[in-house]
Amino acid sequence: VALTSSEICYGFNDIAGQAVSSSSSKTRRHLSRIMGCLYEDHCLWNDASDLSEKFSISQWLEKSGLLKNAEMCREILEKAFESSFVACEVHGAAFLGSSCLRAFRLGDANGTAVDSHNVSPTITKCWSVCSRIVNLLGKGLMHADEVIGNACAQGLVISFSYDGHD
């Protein structure tokens, strides 16, 4: 997914990068929400011309880059507990990581039937990364920086919500 013109190209990886690195907390929250909406729209990631083809979580993870972004968020969240960290990145990682986690959790609920006979290493790795994100968000609730604690609290709400984004 990319918006292009003769001079610019802005894709979902750019959105994810800005969701973590933007200097505006509102921008980080909104871009993370956008990524969540993109991840959860499985039709965007389906190459099949026949839309009746069943959703495959393994193919979705491969095409969407969700695992890569979840790993990036996990790494940033882990740095929040070191002596030196960038608060805006941790804030962004809490929101983007929770959007990745929510999309994966809901996607796995829809896709397990197709992949249940042979769970791929990618799915196993994504569950591992997402469970670590939950752990770090929970740990972040007690962070000395109130902004980080609040972002982690909201991240947990997003991670486990079933509500639509509307």
C-alpha atoms as a PDB file:
ATOM      1  CA  VAL A   1       0.000   0.000   0.000  1.00  0.00           C
ATOM      2  CA  ALA A   2       1.598   3.245  -1.088  1.00  0.00           C
ATOM      3  CA  LEU A   3       0.467   6.673  -2.197  1.00  0.00           C
ATOM      4  CA  THR A   4       2.528   7.758  -5.155  1.00  0.00           C
ATOM      5  CA  SER A   5       2.874  10.691  -7.476  1.00  0.00           C
ATOM      6  CA  SER A   6       5.647  11.700  -9.810  1.00  0.00           C
ATOM      7  CA  GLU A   7       7.762  12.936  -6.899  1.00  0.00           C
ATOM      8  CA  ILE A   8       6.649  11.170  -3.710  1.00  0.00           C
ATOM      9  CA  CYS A   9       6.041   7.682  -2.432  1.00  0.00           C
ATOM     10  CA  TYR A  10       4.481   7.228   0.997  1.00  0.00           C
ATOM     11  CA  GLY A  11       3.803   3.659   2.078  1.00  0.00           C
ATOM     12  CA  PHE A  12       2.657   1.827   5.168  1.00  0.00           C
ATOM     13  CA  ASN A  13       6.260   1.418   6.357  1.00  0.00           C
ATOM     14  CA  ASP A  14       6.585   5.219   6.296  1.00  0.00           C
ATOM     15  CA  ILE A  15       3.422   5.526   8.374  1.00  0.00           C
ATOM     16  CA  ALA A  16       4.754   3.013  10.907  1.00  0.00           C
ATOM     17  CA  GLY A  17       8.091   4.815  11.096  1.00  0.00           C
ATOM     18  CA  GLN A  18       6.420   8.147  11.765  1.00  0.00           C
ATOM     19  CA  ALA A  19       4.097   6.543  14.320  1.00  0.00           C
ATOM     20  CA  VAL A  20       7.193   5.963  16.422  1.00  0.00           C
ATOM     21  CA  SER A  21       9.381   8.919  15.554  1.00  0.00           C
ATOM     22  CA  SER A  22       7.044  11.900  15.164  1.00  0.00           C
ATOM     23  CA  SER A  23       7.592  14.757  17.587  1.00  0.00           C
ATOM     24  CA  SER A  24       3.820  15.122  18.116  1.00  0.00           C
ATOM     25  CA  SER A  25       2.153  12.701  20.522  1.00  0.00           C
ATOM     26  CA  LYS A  26      -1.186  13.207  18.765  1.00  0.00           C
ATOM     27  CA  THR A  27       0.398  12.333  15.428  1.00  0.00           C
ATOM     28  CA  ARG A  28       1.972   9.196  16.914  1.00  0.00           C
ATOM     29  CA  ARG A  29      -1.411   8.075  18.280  1.00  0.00           C
ATOM     30  CA  HIS A  30      -3.264   8.759  15.030  1.00  0.00           C
ATOM     31  CA  LEU A  31      -0.665   7.116  12.804  1.00  0.00           C
ATOM     32  CA  SER A  32      -0.650   4.053  15.065  1.00  0.00           C
ATOM     33  CA  ARG A  33      -4.416   3.890  14.745  1.00  0.00           C
ATOM     34  CA  ILE A  34      -4.113   4.159  10.967  1.00  0.00           C
ATOM     35  CA  MET A  35      -1.670   1.245  10.952  1.00  0.00           C
ATOM     36  CA  GLY A  36      -4.098  -0.762  13.072  1.00  0.00           C
ATOM     37  CA  CYS A  37      -6.878  -0.076  10.565  1.00  0.00           C
ATOM     38  CA  LEU A  38      -4.621  -1.061   7.666  1.00  0.00           C
ATOM     39  CA  TYR A  39      -3.524  -4.266   9.377  1.00  0.00           C
ATOM     40  CA  GLU A  40      -7.085  -5.225  10.245  1.00  0.00           C
ATOM     41  CA  ASP A  41      -8.360  -4.748   6.676  1.00  0.00           C
ATOM     42  CA  HIS A  42      -7.336  -8.150   5.416  1.00  0.00           C
ATOM     43  CA  CYS A  43      -8.585  -7.429   1.882  1.00  0.00           C
ATOM     44  CA  LEU A  44      -5.650  -5.028   1.441  1.00  0.00           C
ATOM     45  CA  TRP A  45      -3.189  -7.871   1.902  1.00  0.00           C
ATOM     46  CA  ASN A  46      -4.988 -10.482  -0.204  1.00  0.00           C
ATOM     47  CA  ASP A  47      -3.533 -10.849  -3.720  1.00  0.00           C
ATOM     48  CA  ALA A  48      -6.227 -13.265  -4.765  1.00  0.00           C
ATOM     49  CA  SER A  49      -8.591 -12.018  -7.435  1.00  0.00           C
ATOM     50  CA  ASP A  50     -11.186 -14.246  -5.808  1.00  0.00           C
ATOM     51  CA  LEU A  51     -12.201 -12.496  -2.600  1.00  0.00           C
ATOM     52  CA  SER A  52     -13.898 -15.672  -1.393  1.00  0.00           C
ATOM     53  CA  GLU A  53     -10.466 -17.226  -0.795  1.00  0.00           C
ATOM     54  CA  LYS A  54      -9.945 -17.890   2.907  1.00  0.00           C
ATOM     55  CA  PHE A  55      -7.776 -15.571   4.935  1.00  0.00           C
ATOM     56  CA  SER A  56      -4.307 -16.950   5.667  1.00  0.00           C
ATOM     57  CA  ILE A  57      -2.592 -15.422   8.667  1.00  0.00           C
ATOM     58  CA  SER A  58       0.839 -16.582   7.486  1.00  0.00           C
ATOM     59  CA  GLN A  59       0.450 -14.800   4.151  1.00  0.00           C
ATOM     60  CA  TRP A  60      -0.977 -11.720   5.871  1.00  0.00           C
ATOM     61  CA  LEU A  61       1.979 -11.504   8.279  1.00  0.00           C
ATOM     62  CA  GLU A  62       4.404 -11.852   5.400  1.00  0.00           C
ATOM     63  CA  LYS A  63       2.780  -9.183   3.215  1.00  0.00           C
ATOM     64  CA  SER A  64       1.848  -6.628   5.882  1.00  0.00           C
ATOM     65  CA  GLY A  65       5.151  -6.388   7.735  1.00  0.00           C
ATOM     66  CA  LEU A  66       3.287  -6.543  11.047  1.00  0.00           C
ATOM     67  CA  LEU A  67       5.877  -8.795  12.682  1.00  0.00           C
ATOM     68  CA  LYS A  68       8.737  -6.478  11.688  1.00  0.00           C
ATOM     69  CA  ASN A  69       6.955  -3.470  13.184  1.00  0.00           C
ATOM     70  CA  ALA A  70       5.980  -5.388  16.318  1.00  0.00           C
ATOM     71  CA  GLU A  71       9.637  -6.399  16.787  1.00  0.00           C
ATOM     72  CA  MET A  72      10.719  -2.768  16.364  1.00  0.00           C
ATOM     73  CA  CYS A  73       8.192  -1.699  19.013  1.00  0.00           C
ATOM     74  CA  ARG A  74       9.313  -4.442  21.384  1.00  0.00           C
ATOM     75  CA  GLU A  75      12.933  -3.307  21.074  1.00  0.00           C
ATOM     76  CA  ILE A  76      12.010   0.320  21.754  1.00  0.00           C
ATOM     77  CA  LEU A  77       9.792  -0.607  24.725  1.00  0.00           C
ATOM     78  CA  GLU A  78      12.642  -2.653  26.216  1.00  0.00           C
ATOM     79  CA  LYS A  79      14.872   0.445  26.078  1.00  0.00           C
ATOM     80  CA  ALA A  80      12.363   2.357  28.230  1.00  0.00           C
ATOM     81  CA  PHE A  81      13.790   0.606  31.281  1.00  0.00           C
ATOM     82  CA  GLU A  82      17.397   1.511  30.584  1.00  0.00           C
ATOM     83  CA  SER A  83      19.053   4.635  31.958  1.00  0.00           C
ATOM     84  CA  SER A  84      18.821   6.419  28.611  1.00  0.00           C
ATOM     85  CA  PHE A  85      15.741   6.295  26.374  1.00  0.00           C
ATOM     86  CA  VAL A  86      13.822   8.533  23.967  1.00  0.00           C
ATOM     87  CA  ALA A  87      10.412   9.169  25.518  1.00  0.00           C
ATOM     88  CA  CYS A  88       8.633  10.033  22.263  1.00  0.00           C
ATOM     89  CA  GLU A  89       9.811   6.770  20.682  1.00  0.00           C
ATOM     90  CA  VAL A  90       8.647   4.752  23.677  1.00  0.00           C
ATOM     91  CA  HIS A  91       5.304   6.560  23.571  1.00  0.00           C
ATOM     92  CA  GLY A  92       4.950   5.801  19.854  1.00  0.00           C
ATOM     93  CA  ALA A  93       6.052   2.196  20.314  1.00  0.00           C
ATOM     94  CA  ALA A  94       3.411   1.689  23.008  1.00  0.00           C
ATOM     95  CA  PHE A  95       0.670   2.788  20.607  1.00  0.00           C
ATOM     96  CA  LEU A  96       2.001   1.141  17.446  1.00  0.00           C
ATOM     97  CA  GLY A  97       2.919  -2.055  19.304  1.00  0.00           C
ATOM     98  CA  SER A  98      -0.556  -2.280  20.796  1.00  0.00           C
ATOM     99  CA  SER A  99      -2.107  -1.756  17.339  1.00  0.00           C
ATOM    100  CA  CYS A 100       0.076  -4.580  15.982  1.00  0.00           C
ATOM    101  CA  LEU A 101      -0.876  -6.790  18.905  1.00  0.00           C
ATOM    102  CA  ARG A 102      -4.609  -6.101  18.503  1.00  0.00           C
ATOM    103  CA  ALA A 103      -4.530  -6.707  14.746  1.00  0.00           C
ATOM    104  CA  PHE A 104      -2.584  -9.944  15.181  1.00  0.00           C
ATOM    105  CA  ARG A 105      -4.818 -11.173  18.003  1.00  0.00           C
ATOM    106  CA  LEU A 106      -7.978 -10.502  16.007  1.00  0.00           C
ATOM    107  CA  GLY A 107      -6.403 -11.786  12.782  1.00  0.00           C
ATOM    108  CA  ASP A 108      -5.324 -15.018  14.420  1.00  0.00           C
ATOM    109  CA  ALA A 109      -8.861 -15.540  15.681  1.00  0.00           C
ATOM    110  CA  ASN A 110     -10.001 -15.307  12.044  1.00  0.00           C
ATOM    111  CA  GLY A 111      -7.082 -17.130  10.447  1.00  0.00           C
ATOM    112  CA  THR A 112      -6.346 -20.052  12.732  1.00  0.00           C
ATOM    113  CA  ALA A 113      -8.776 -22.326  10.930  1.00  0.00           C
ATOM    114  CA  VAL A 114      -6.671 -22.148   7.767  1.00  0.00           C
ATOM    115  CA  ASP A 115      -3.308 -22.535   9.523  1.00  0.00           C
ATOM    116  CA  SER A 116      -4.273 -24.770  12.449  1.00  0.00           C
ATOM    117  CA  HIS A 117      -2.792 -27.975  11.027  1.00  0.00           C
ATOM    118  CA  ASN A 118       0.663 -26.546  10.647  1.00  0.00           C
ATOM    119  CA  VAL A 119       1.432 -23.471  12.724  1.00  0.00           C
ATOM    120  CA  SER A 120       4.246 -21.653  10.987  1.00  0.00           C
ATOM    121  CA  PRO A 121       7.338 -20.411  12.802  1.00  0.00           C
ATOM    122  CA  THR A 122       6.300 -16.879  11.781  1.00  0.00           C
ATOM    123  CA  ILE A 123       3.019 -17.182  13.691  1.00  0.00           C
ATOM    124  CA  THR A 124       4.811 -18.632  16.715  1.00  0.00           C
ATOM    125  CA  LYS A 125       7.373 -15.822  16.613  1.00  0.00           C
ATOM    126  CA  CYS A 126       4.639 -13.188  16.305  1.00  0.00           C
ATOM    127  CA  TRP A 127       2.846 -14.597  19.369  1.00  0.00           C
ATOM    128  CA  SER A 128       6.142 -14.466  21.250  1.00  0.00           C
ATOM    129  CA  VAL A 129       6.831 -10.852  20.261  1.00  0.00           C
ATOM    130  CA  CYS A 130       3.256  -9.810  21.062  1.00  0.00           C
ATOM    131  CA  SER A 131       3.329 -11.484  24.472  1.00  0.00           C
ATOM    132  CA  ARG A 132       6.560  -9.619  25.233  1.00  0.00           C
ATOM    133  CA  ILE A 133       4.869  -6.349  24.208  1.00  0.00           C
ATOM    134  CA  VAL A 134       2.046  -7.084  26.678  1.00  0.00           C
ATOM    135  CA  ASN A 135       4.651  -7.772  29.354  1.00  0.00           C
ATOM    136  CA  LEU A 136       6.462  -4.502  28.633  1.00  0.00           C
ATOM    137  CA  LEU A 137       3.234  -2.471  28.529  1.00  0.00           C
ATOM    138  CA  GLY A 138       2.299  -3.914  31.914  1.00  0.00           C
ATOM    139  CA  LYS A 139       5.735  -3.148  33.294  1.00  0.00           C
ATOM    140  CA  GLY A 140       5.470   0.355  31.824  1.00  0.00           C
ATOM    141  CA  LEU A 141       2.449   1.142  33.984  1.00  0.00           C
ATOM    142  CA  MET A 142       4.853   1.771  36.853  1.00  0.00           C
ATOM    143  CA  HIS A 143       7.341   3.804  34.795  1.00  0.00           C
ATOM    144  CA  ALA A 144       8.707   6.916  36.535  1.00  0.00           C
ATOM    145  CA  ASP A 145       7.714   9.022  33.507  1.00  0.00           C
ATOM    146  CA  GLU A 146       3.955   9.570  33.759  1.00  0.00           C
ATOM    147  CA  VAL A 147       3.589  10.000  29.980  1.00  0.00           C
ATOM    148  CA  ILE A 148       5.112   6.559  29.429  1.00  0.00           C
ATOM    149  CA  GLY A 149       2.870   5.023  32.098  1.00  0.00           C
ATOM    150  CA  ASN A 150      -0.240   6.549  30.531  1.00  0.00           C
ATOM    151  CA  ALA A 151       0.790   5.414  27.033  1.00  0.00           C
ATOM    152  CA  CYS A 152       1.331   1.875  28.321  1.00  0.00           C
ATOM    153  CA  ALA A 153      -2.072   1.900  30.028  1.00  0.00           C
ATOM    154  CA  GLN A 154      -3.784   3.054  26.847  1.00  0.00           C
ATOM    155  CA  GLY A 155      -1.733   0.525  24.888  1.00  0.00           C
ATOM    156  CA  LEU A 156      -3.118  -2.297  27.009  1.00  0.00           C
ATOM    157  CA  VAL A 157      -6.656  -1.026  26.404  1.00  0.00           C
ATOM    158  CA  ILE A 158      -6.053  -0.997  22.636  1.00  0.00           C
ATOM    159  CA  SER A 159      -4.366  -4.418  22.687  1.00  0.00           C
ATOM    160  CA  PHE A 160      -7.296  -6.188  24.241  1.00  0.00           C
ATOM    161  CA  SER A 161     -10.211  -4.244  22.830  1.00  0.00           C
ATOM    162  CA  TYR A 162     -12.760  -5.676  20.439  1.00  0.00           C
ATOM    163  CA  ASP A 163     -14.269  -2.281  19.672  1.00  0.00           C
ATOM    164  CA  GLY A 164     -14.027  -0.943  16.159  1.00  0.00           C
ATOM    165  CA  HIS A 165     -11.940   2.112  15.455  1.00  0.00           C
ATOM    166  CA  ASP A 166     -15.017   4.156  14.556  1.00  0.00           C
END
